[in-house]
Amino acid sequence: MTAPAEVAPLGATADAAAMDDDGLTPTQRRAARAAARAAARAVAPERSPEFSHLSLAALRSYRRALAEEEERVSYWRRILQARLDLIQAGQQVLAADVEHLRPVLTGERVRGGRTALVTVVPSVADDMPLVPNLQLLWDREVGPDDEVGRVRLEAELSDVEAELSAYRTALHRRMDNATTELIARYREDPRRCLDALPLTSAKLPRPRQGS
């Protein structure tokens, strides 16, 4: 009698079918990435010379400024994405919306944040991409019958959205670096963590009797 062939578990068969060029299954790759992240967390963060000129208070302020700039960039991207959606649907932006959002997209407001951040920690190479002229693009009007103009504006909006995404990625990278620097300083002197707490002179409530 012929021995019955062994049947591999369903999960193992699926993993084998999905094996990539590196010889690892998706499950093995996820485990490897998790192990790499755990190993990275185990390495103590080191101080960076790019922040050596900043006090702890200035470093915290710089990181807050990065977070605020990231929120603004996300808002600008949503505005441009809405404009792009309207153009692709063949609709026009209401004149009231154009006037309402024009002050938000002025050159001073858009490029001022990047200038301030680069002043605190100078940019190296293409570390911080330039911010495009959003107001000029926002004010651009295309007639309902101007198909060439519509296609051109749609392409320009897509390009600018990609530029803002690159700028946002640079902000995230700078935030990560600033966070690593803060952690390194706190490890050197854990008491400095208390400086960021909103301590008040209010007395703590007395515990209830019998508790």
Protein backbone atom coordinates (compact mmCIF):
# COMPACT_ATOMS: atom_id res chain seq x y z
CA MET A 1 0.00 0.00 0.00
CA THR A 2 1.36 3.41 -0.95
CA ALA A 3 1.87 5.72 2.00
CA PRO A 4 -0.32 8.82 1.85
CA ALA A 5 1.51 11.93 0.79
CA GLU A 6 2.11 14.49 3.50
CA VAL A 7 -0.10 17.54 3.18
CA ALA A 8 1.53 20.85 4.08
CA PRO A 9 -0.46 23.25 6.26
CA LEU A 10 -2.44 25.79 4.29
CA GLY A 11 -0.53 28.71 5.82
CA ALA A 12 2.83 27.19 4.96
CA THR A 13 1.73 26.61 1.37
CA ALA A 14 0.61 30.22 1.02
CA ASP A 15 3.86 31.51 2.49
CA ALA A 16 5.90 29.34 0.13
CA ALA A 17 3.96 30.64 -2.85
CA ALA A 18 4.60 34.23 -1.78
CA MET A 19 8.32 33.75 -1.29
CA ASP A 20 10.25 36.67 -2.77
CA ASP A 21 13.71 36.96 -4.32
CA ASP A 22 15.27 37.23 -0.86
CA GLY A 23 14.09 33.71 -0.04
CA LEU A 24 11.86 34.95 2.79
CA THR A 25 8.14 34.52 3.14
CA PRO A 26 5.96 37.54 4.08
CA THR A 27 5.73 36.19 7.65
CA GLN A 28 9.50 35.92 7.90
CA ARG A 29 9.99 39.41 6.46
CA ARG A 30 7.55 40.89 9.00
CA ALA A 31 9.41 39.10 11.80
CA ALA A 32 12.73 40.42 10.48
CA ARG A 33 11.44 44.00 10.34
CA ALA A 34 10.06 43.71 13.88
CA ALA A 35 13.42 42.41 15.09
CA ALA A 36 15.23 45.26 13.33
CA ARG A 37 12.95 47.84 14.97
CA ALA A 38 13.49 46.27 18.37
CA ALA A 39 17.26 46.31 17.85
CA ALA A 40 17.13 49.98 16.82
CA ARG A 41 15.20 50.87 19.97
CA ALA A 42 17.76 49.04 22.08
CA VAL A 43 20.56 51.30 20.81
CA ALA A 44 20.91 54.37 22.99
CA PRO A 45 20.40 57.58 20.96
CA GLU A 46 23.47 59.76 20.57
CA ARG A 47 23.83 63.54 20.62
CA SER A 48 24.11 65.22 17.24
CA PRO A 49 26.50 68.12 16.56
CA GLU A 50 23.86 69.91 14.46
CA PHE A 51 21.98 70.73 17.68
CA SER A 52 25.00 71.61 19.82
CA HIS A 53 24.23 75.33 19.59
CA LEU A 54 20.71 74.90 20.99
CA SER A 55 19.81 74.90 24.65
CA LEU A 56 17.27 72.36 25.84
CA ALA A 57 14.52 74.98 25.83
CA ALA A 58 15.48 76.11 22.32
CA LEU A 59 15.49 72.50 21.11
CA ARG A 60 11.99 71.94 22.47
CA SER A 61 10.81 75.18 20.84
CA TYR A 62 12.38 74.13 17.54
CA ARG A 63 10.60 70.77 17.61
CA ARG A 64 7.27 72.47 18.36
CA ALA A 65 7.86 74.80 15.39
CA LEU A 66 8.48 71.77 13.17
CA ALA A 67 5.21 70.17 14.29
CA GLU A 68 3.28 73.40 13.68
CA GLU A 69 4.82 73.76 10.21
CA GLU A 70 3.89 70.16 9.41
CA GLU A 71 0.27 70.91 10.31
CA ARG A 72 0.28 73.94 8.00
CA VAL A 73 1.75 71.94 5.13
CA SER A 74 -0.88 69.25 5.59
CA TYR A 75 -3.55 71.95 5.41
CA TRP A 76 -2.07 73.42 2.22
CA ARG A 77 -2.01 69.97 0.64
CA ARG A 78 -5.68 69.43 1.45
CA ILE A 79 -6.54 72.77 -0.17
CA LEU A 80 -4.65 71.91 -3.35
CA GLN A 81 -6.10 68.41 -3.43
CA ALA A 82 -9.60 69.92 -3.22
CA ARG A 83 -8.79 72.28 -6.10
CA LEU A 84 -7.42 69.38 -8.11
CA ASP A 85 -10.55 67.31 -7.46
CA LEU A 86 -12.72 70.19 -8.68
CA ILE A 87 -10.70 70.61 -11.86
CA GLN A 88 -10.80 66.90 -12.61
CA ALA A 89 -14.58 67.02 -12.12
CA GLY A 90 -14.84 69.99 -14.49
CA GLN A 91 -15.95 72.41 -11.78
CA GLN A 92 -14.78 75.90 -10.83
CA VAL A 93 -13.70 77.19 -7.44
CA LEU A 94 -16.17 79.67 -6.01
CA ALA A 95 -14.90 83.26 -6.00
CA ALA A 96 -15.70 83.51 -2.28
CA ASP A 97 -13.45 80.51 -1.56
CA VAL A 98 -10.63 82.01 -3.61
CA GLU A 99 -10.80 85.25 -1.62
CA HIS A 100 -11.15 83.45 1.70
CA LEU A 101 -8.11 81.23 1.21
CA ARG A 102 -5.86 83.74 -0.55
CA PRO A 103 -4.42 85.14 2.75
CA VAL A 104 -3.60 81.60 3.90
CA LEU A 105 -1.46 80.98 0.82
CA THR A 106 0.55 84.21 0.67
CA GLY A 107 4.25 83.87 -0.03
CA GLU A 108 5.20 85.33 3.35
CA ARG A 109 3.02 82.86 5.22
CA VAL A 110 3.99 79.83 3.13
CA ARG A 111 7.74 80.40 2.89
CA GLY A 112 8.17 82.13 6.25
CA GLY A 113 7.97 78.91 8.24
CA ARG A 114 10.71 77.22 6.24
CA THR A 115 12.94 80.29 6.51
CA ALA A 116 12.55 80.38 10.29
CA LEU A 117 13.32 76.67 10.67
CA VAL A 118 16.41 76.83 8.45
CA THR A 119 17.61 79.82 10.47
CA VAL A 120 17.52 77.76 13.67
CA VAL A 121 19.14 74.66 12.15
CA PRO A 122 20.76 75.43 8.77
CA SER A 123 19.82 73.23 5.86
CA VAL A 124 22.36 70.94 4.25
CA ALA A 125 22.14 70.10 0.54
CA ASP A 126 18.49 69.33 -0.28
CA ASP A 127 17.54 68.59 3.33
CA MET A 128 14.70 71.14 3.17
CA PRO A 129 13.12 71.52 -0.30
CA LEU A 130 11.87 74.95 -1.31
CA VAL A 131 8.18 75.66 -0.87
CA PRO A 132 6.38 76.42 -4.17
CA ASN A 133 4.38 79.57 -4.88
CA LEU A 134 0.94 78.41 -3.79
CA GLN A 135 -0.86 81.73 -4.12
CA LEU A 136 0.02 82.13 -7.79
CA LEU A 137 -1.27 78.66 -8.51
CA TRP A 138 -4.38 79.10 -6.40
CA ASP A 139 -5.34 82.34 -8.18
CA ARG A 140 -5.04 80.74 -11.62
CA GLU A 141 -8.38 80.61 -13.40
CA VAL A 142 -9.26 78.34 -16.29
CA GLY A 143 -12.30 78.87 -18.48
CA PRO A 144 -14.81 76.04 -18.86
CA ASP A 145 -13.88 75.63 -22.54
CA ASP A 146 -10.11 75.92 -22.07
CA GLU A 147 -9.15 72.25 -22.17
CA VAL A 148 -5.45 72.97 -22.71
CA GLY A 149 -5.37 75.32 -19.74
CA ARG A 150 -7.22 72.81 -17.60
CA VAL A 151 -4.77 70.03 -18.39
CA ARG A 152 -1.81 72.34 -17.72
CA LEU A 153 -3.22 73.51 -14.37
CA GLU A 154 -4.03 69.95 -13.34
CA ALA A 155 -0.43 68.92 -14.05
CA GLU A 156 0.97 71.90 -12.15
CA LEU A 157 -1.24 71.21 -9.14
CA SER A 158 -0.09 67.58 -9.12
CA ASP A 159 3.56 68.68 -9.28
CA VAL A 160 3.11 71.18 -6.44
CA GLU A 161 1.35 68.59 -4.30
CA ALA A 162 4.36 66.30 -4.81
CA GLU A 163 6.71 69.15 -3.81
CA LEU A 164 4.70 69.77 -0.64
CA SER A 165 4.85 66.05 0.13
CA ALA A 166 8.64 66.14 -0.20
CA TYR A 167 8.77 69.16 2.10
CA ARG A 168 6.52 67.40 4.62
CA THR A 169 8.79 64.35 4.53
CA ALA A 170 11.77 66.62 5.29
CA LEU A 171 9.88 68.07 8.26
CA HIS A 172 9.20 64.57 9.59
CA ARG A 173 12.88 63.74 9.23
CA ARG A 174 13.86 66.85 11.16
CA MET A 175 11.29 66.08 13.86
CA ASP A 176 12.71 62.58 14.23
CA ASN A 177 16.23 64.00 14.56
CA ALA A 178 15.12 66.57 17.13
CA THR A 179 13.28 63.89 19.11
CA THR A 180 16.37 61.68 19.10
CA GLU A 181 18.42 64.61 20.39
CA LEU A 182 15.92 65.27 23.17
CA ILE A 183 15.95 61.62 24.24
CA ALA A 184 19.75 61.60 24.26
CA ARG A 185 19.85 64.68 26.50
CA TYR A 186 17.23 63.25 28.84
CA ARG A 187 19.24 60.05 29.16
CA GLU A 188 22.26 62.09 30.17
CA ASP A 189 20.27 63.92 32.84
CA PRO A 190 16.77 62.46 33.45
CA ARG A 191 15.93 65.38 35.76
CA ARG A 192 15.75 67.65 32.72
CA CYS A 193 12.50 65.89 31.74
CA LEU A 194 10.84 67.67 34.67
CA ASP A 195 11.56 71.06 33.06
CA ALA A 196 8.83 70.39 30.48
CA LEU A 197 6.13 69.56 33.03
CA PRO A 198 3.52 72.27 33.72
CA LEU A 199 4.16 72.39 37.46
CA THR A 200 1.99 74.69 39.57
CA SER A 201 2.02 75.81 43.15
CA ALA A 202 -1.40 74.26 43.80
CA LYS A 203 -1.48 71.82 46.69
CA LEU A 204 -2.31 68.21 46.05
CA PRO A 205 -5.71 67.06 47.37
CA ARG A 206 -5.64 65.32 50.69
CA PRO A 207 -6.42 61.59 50.58
CA ARG A 208 -9.78 60.52 51.92
CA GLN A 209 -9.88 58.91 55.32
CA GLY A 210 -9.82 55.19 55.16
CA SER A 211 -8.43 55.11 51.63
